[in-house]
Amino acid sequence: MWQKISIIIPVLNEADNIKAFLQHLQPLRQYGHELIIVDGKSQDNTCELARPLVDRMFSSSPGRAKQQILGARMATGQAFLFLHADSILPENADQKILSALSQGYFWGRFNVRLSGKSWPFRVIETMMNWRSRITGIATGDQGIFVAKVLYQDALGIPDIELMEDIAFSKRLKKFCKPACLSACLLTSSARWEKNGILSTILLMWSLRLQYFLGVSPIVLLKKYYPPNDCN
């Protein structure tokens, strides 16, 4: 039943890194899986660089949720993997996902490992993985995968400006618990290094608390991406 995975990648102005990122995923295409890029109207040549290295490419208005929703709508696989363009999958990631699905899990995520070398990153990633395992909530940095049938039953990813991964996990949790795979997905720690580790931790905790208290994702987005933040 579980054979083809559609790997859905939202991008925006990723020209500096997109070729290297997609080269890493080419073996998965050879195994019959599908690479889908959904571009959020990049102002650089992301699309031109990516087009030869993916199976399908679409354009959307900016917004990670909107881009992923479109990618899922157009995907042809029996399972979806939502992947950020600054992440590197573990070896044999497709087999790990298919194995989890065949064991009766309908969704899940990988452990995350941050790219930074200093010891605080080891503490942060450990806490992120423990928290996810305890709460059953996954973040986009962990590479959320889901069977298409559950994605549809759960009504997909919420179309909100920020915290869509948290809201999506909560939808999926209502149906079943996630597979928390111990294999590590490597993700960039650039934001932590640019803005400071402690400042980033406090920001993320604050955003999560405000979201829990009902603050609008539109308001949270402005705090996550302030006007002077070029990212």
Protein backbone atom coordinates (compact mmCIF):
# COMPACT_ATOMS: atom_id res chain seq x y z
CA MET A 1 0.00 0.00 0.00
CA TRP A 2 2.70 2.48 1.02
CA GLN A 3 4.97 3.00 -1.96
CA LYS A 4 5.25 6.58 -3.18
CA ILE A 5 6.07 9.56 -0.99
CA SER A 6 5.43 13.09 -2.21
CA ILE A 7 8.07 15.37 -0.71
CA ILE A 8 6.56 18.86 -0.50
CA ILE A 9 9.01 21.74 -0.16
CA PRO A 10 7.91 25.37 0.28
CA VAL A 11 10.60 27.80 -0.87
CA LEU A 12 11.19 31.53 -0.98
CA ASN A 13 14.41 33.13 -2.24
CA GLU A 14 16.53 30.02 -1.76
CA ALA A 15 18.85 30.49 -4.76
CA ASP A 16 22.03 30.28 -2.67
CA ASN A 17 21.29 26.79 -1.38
CA ILE A 18 18.56 25.20 -3.48
CA LYS A 19 20.76 23.21 -5.88
CA ALA A 20 22.79 21.55 -3.13
CA PHE A 21 19.63 20.85 -1.15
CA LEU A 22 17.85 19.23 -4.09
CA GLN A 23 20.91 17.25 -5.19
CA HIS A 24 20.76 15.49 -1.84
CA LEU A 25 17.20 14.39 -2.62
CA GLN A 26 17.80 13.04 -6.13
CA PRO A 27 18.18 9.39 -5.03
CA LEU A 28 14.63 9.53 -3.71
CA ARG A 29 13.39 10.40 -7.19
CA GLN A 30 15.23 7.36 -8.52
CA TYR A 31 13.38 5.21 -5.98
CA GLY A 32 10.05 6.44 -7.37
CA HIS A 33 9.24 9.21 -4.93
CA GLU A 34 8.07 12.67 -5.97
CA LEU A 35 9.74 16.03 -5.35
CA ILE A 36 7.39 19.01 -5.36
CA ILE A 37 8.56 22.61 -5.03
CA VAL A 38 6.02 25.30 -4.20
CA ASP A 39 7.57 28.71 -4.67
CA GLY A 40 6.21 31.70 -2.77
CA LYS A 41 7.02 34.22 -5.53
CA SER A 42 10.79 34.31 -5.06
CA GLN A 43 12.60 37.44 -6.22
CA ASP A 44 15.76 35.53 -7.19
CA ASN A 45 16.36 32.61 -9.57
CA THR A 46 15.25 29.87 -7.17
CA CYS A 47 12.77 28.45 -9.68
CA GLU A 48 15.21 28.32 -12.58
CA LEU A 49 17.77 26.48 -10.48
CA ALA A 50 15.26 24.07 -8.97
CA ARG A 51 13.18 23.17 -12.02
CA PRO A 52 15.54 20.50 -13.49
CA LEU A 53 15.85 18.80 -10.10
CA VAL A 54 12.17 18.30 -9.20
CA ASP A 55 9.20 16.44 -10.60
CA ARG A 56 6.66 19.22 -10.25
CA MET A 57 6.81 22.93 -9.49
CA PHE A 58 4.04 25.32 -8.52
CA SER A 59 3.72 28.98 -7.58
CA SER A 60 1.73 30.29 -4.64
CA SER A 61 1.31 33.46 -2.70
CA PRO A 62 3.93 33.61 0.09
CA GLY A 63 3.21 31.74 3.29
CA ARG A 64 4.46 28.33 4.32
CA ALA A 65 0.97 27.01 5.08
CA LYS A 66 -0.45 28.18 1.74
CA GLN A 67 2.49 26.70 -0.14
CA GLN A 68 2.27 23.34 1.60
CA ILE A 69 -1.49 23.16 1.14
CA LEU A 70 -1.08 23.67 -2.60
CA GLY A 71 1.69 21.08 -2.76
CA ALA A 72 -0.45 18.52 -0.97
CA ARG A 73 -3.39 19.25 -3.24
CA MET A 74 -1.28 18.49 -6.31
CA ALA A 75 0.70 15.56 -4.87
CA THR A 76 0.23 12.04 -6.25
CA GLY A 77 1.88 9.96 -3.53
CA GLN A 78 0.16 7.81 -0.91
CA ALA A 79 2.09 9.70 1.78
CA PHE A 80 3.34 13.27 2.14
CA LEU A 81 6.58 14.55 3.68
CA PHE A 82 6.69 18.27 4.40
CA LEU A 83 10.31 19.35 4.27
CA HIS A 84 12.01 22.71 4.80
CA ALA A 85 14.65 23.79 2.30
CA ASP A 86 17.32 24.16 4.99
CA SER A 87 17.06 20.54 6.17
CA ILE A 88 18.90 17.34 5.30
CA LEU A 89 17.08 14.03 5.63
CA PRO A 90 18.70 11.07 7.39
CA GLU A 91 19.97 8.16 5.34
CA ASN A 92 17.20 5.90 4.01
CA ALA A 93 14.57 8.37 5.19
CA ASP A 94 12.02 7.00 2.75
CA GLN A 95 12.37 3.47 4.09
CA LYS A 96 12.05 4.72 7.64
CA ILE A 97 8.84 6.55 6.77
CA LEU A 98 7.38 3.62 4.85
CA SER A 99 8.28 1.25 7.66
CA ALA A 100 6.49 3.44 10.22
CA LEU A 101 3.40 3.63 8.03
CA SER A 102 3.39 -0.13 7.48
CA GLN A 103 3.52 -0.63 11.27
CA GLY A 104 0.22 1.18 11.68
CA TYR A 105 1.37 4.75 12.26
CA PHE A 106 -0.37 7.24 10.01
CA TRP A 107 1.89 10.19 10.72
CA GLY A 108 5.13 11.08 12.41
CA ARG A 109 8.35 13.02 12.41
CA PHE A 110 12.13 12.61 12.77
CA ASN A 111 14.31 13.72 15.61
CA VAL A 112 15.94 17.03 14.81
CA ARG A 113 19.63 17.88 14.95
CA LEU A 114 20.75 21.49 14.63
CA SER A 115 23.71 22.26 12.39
CA GLY A 116 25.52 24.41 14.97
CA LYS A 117 28.58 22.81 16.56
CA SER A 118 28.50 24.35 20.04
CA TRP A 119 27.14 22.44 23.03
CA PRO A 120 24.04 24.63 23.60
CA PHE A 121 22.63 23.31 20.32
CA ARG A 122 22.91 19.75 21.63
CA VAL A 123 20.83 20.76 24.65
CA ILE A 124 18.26 22.61 22.54
CA GLU A 125 17.74 19.77 20.08
CA THR A 126 17.49 17.22 22.89
CA MET A 127 14.81 19.28 24.60
CA MET A 128 12.95 19.77 21.30
CA ASN A 129 12.89 16.02 20.68
CA TRP A 130 11.85 15.15 24.23
CA ARG A 131 9.09 17.74 24.21
CA SER A 132 7.79 16.43 20.91
CA ARG A 133 7.82 12.84 22.11
CA ILE A 134 5.99 13.72 25.34
CA THR A 135 3.38 16.05 23.82
CA GLY A 136 2.89 14.37 20.44
CA ILE A 137 3.36 17.75 18.77
CA ALA A 138 5.83 18.01 15.88
CA THR A 139 7.41 21.06 14.29
CA GLY A 140 8.20 21.63 10.65
CA ASP A 141 11.92 21.41 11.42
CA GLN A 142 11.38 17.74 12.26
CA GLY A 143 10.04 16.79 8.84
CA ILE A 144 6.37 15.91 9.39
CA PHE A 145 5.13 12.98 7.31
CA VAL A 146 1.55 11.79 6.99
CA ALA A 147 -0.50 9.25 5.06
CA LYS A 148 -2.66 10.94 2.44
CA VAL A 149 -5.82 9.38 3.86
CA LEU A 150 -5.15 10.89 7.29
CA TYR A 151 -4.17 14.23 5.79
CA GLN A 152 -7.56 14.35 4.11
CA ASP A 153 -9.49 13.12 7.16
CA ALA A 154 -7.78 15.75 9.32
CA LEU A 155 -8.68 18.46 6.78
CA GLY A 156 -5.09 19.20 5.96
CA ILE A 157 -2.81 21.96 7.15
CA PRO A 158 -4.55 24.98 8.67
CA ASP A 159 -4.16 28.06 6.46
CA ILE A 160 -2.67 30.36 9.09
CA GLU A 161 0.33 32.70 8.96
CA LEU A 162 2.45 31.04 11.67
CA MET A 163 2.32 27.96 13.91
CA GLU A 164 0.72 25.93 11.13
CA ASP A 165 2.90 22.95 12.10
CA ILE A 166 1.66 23.06 15.69
CA ALA A 167 -1.96 23.40 14.60
CA PHE A 168 -1.53 20.61 12.05
CA SER A 169 -0.06 18.29 14.69
CA LYS A 170 -3.01 18.96 16.96
CA ARG A 171 -5.38 17.99 14.16
CA LEU A 172 -3.50 14.77 13.51
CA LYS A 173 -3.25 13.91 17.21
CA LYS A 174 -7.02 13.71 17.42
CA PHE A 175 -6.86 10.63 15.19
CA CYS A 176 -3.72 8.85 16.38
CA LYS A 177 -0.33 9.33 18.01
CA PRO A 178 2.74 10.06 15.88
CA ALA A 179 5.69 7.85 15.08
CA CYS A 180 8.64 9.60 16.73
CA LEU A 181 11.55 8.35 14.67
CA SER A 182 14.95 8.46 16.36
CA ALA A 183 16.83 9.05 13.09
CA CYS A 184 17.99 12.67 12.96
CA LEU A 185 17.04 15.25 10.37
CA LEU A 186 19.74 17.94 10.19
CA THR A 187 18.37 21.47 10.09
CA SER A 188 20.05 24.85 9.92
CA SER A 189 20.79 26.74 13.10
CA ALA A 190 21.44 29.97 11.16
CA ARG A 191 18.58 31.87 12.79
CA TRP A 192 19.79 30.89 16.25
CA GLU A 193 23.33 31.95 15.42
CA LYS A 194 22.24 35.23 13.81
CA ASN A 195 19.84 36.37 16.51
CA GLY A 196 21.48 34.74 19.52
CA ILE A 197 20.64 31.41 21.13
CA LEU A 198 19.00 32.77 24.29
CA SER A 199 17.07 35.45 22.40
CA THR A 200 15.75 32.88 19.94
CA ILE A 201 14.71 30.49 22.71
CA LEU A 202 12.86 33.26 24.54
CA LEU A 203 11.19 34.39 21.32
CA MET A 204 9.97 30.89 20.45
CA TRP A 205 8.70 30.23 23.97
CA SER A 206 6.91 33.58 23.92
CA LEU A 207 5.31 32.91 20.53
CA ARG A 208 4.12 29.46 21.60
CA LEU A 209 2.64 30.83 24.82
CA GLN A 210 0.88 33.65 23.01
CA TYR A 211 -0.49 31.21 20.42
CA PHE A 212 -1.77 28.98 23.24
CA LEU A 213 -3.44 32.03 24.78
CA GLY A 214 -5.20 32.82 21.53
CA VAL A 215 -3.07 35.57 19.97
CA SER A 216 -3.66 35.78 16.22
CA PRO A 217 -1.04 34.09 14.00
CA ILE A 218 -0.96 37.34 11.97
CA VAL A 219 0.30 39.18 15.05
CA LEU A 220 2.77 36.42 15.85
CA LEU A 221 4.14 36.49 12.31
CA LYS A 222 5.10 40.15 12.68
CA LYS A 223 7.01 39.29 15.84
CA TYR A 224 8.75 36.32 14.22
CA TYR A 225 9.68 38.31 11.11
CA PRO A 226 10.11 41.93 12.24
CA PRO A 227 10.31 44.59 9.48
CA ASN A 228 14.11 44.83 9.68
CA ASP A 229 14.57 41.04 9.39
CA CYS A 230 15.75 40.29 5.87
CA ASN A 231 14.83 36.63 6.27
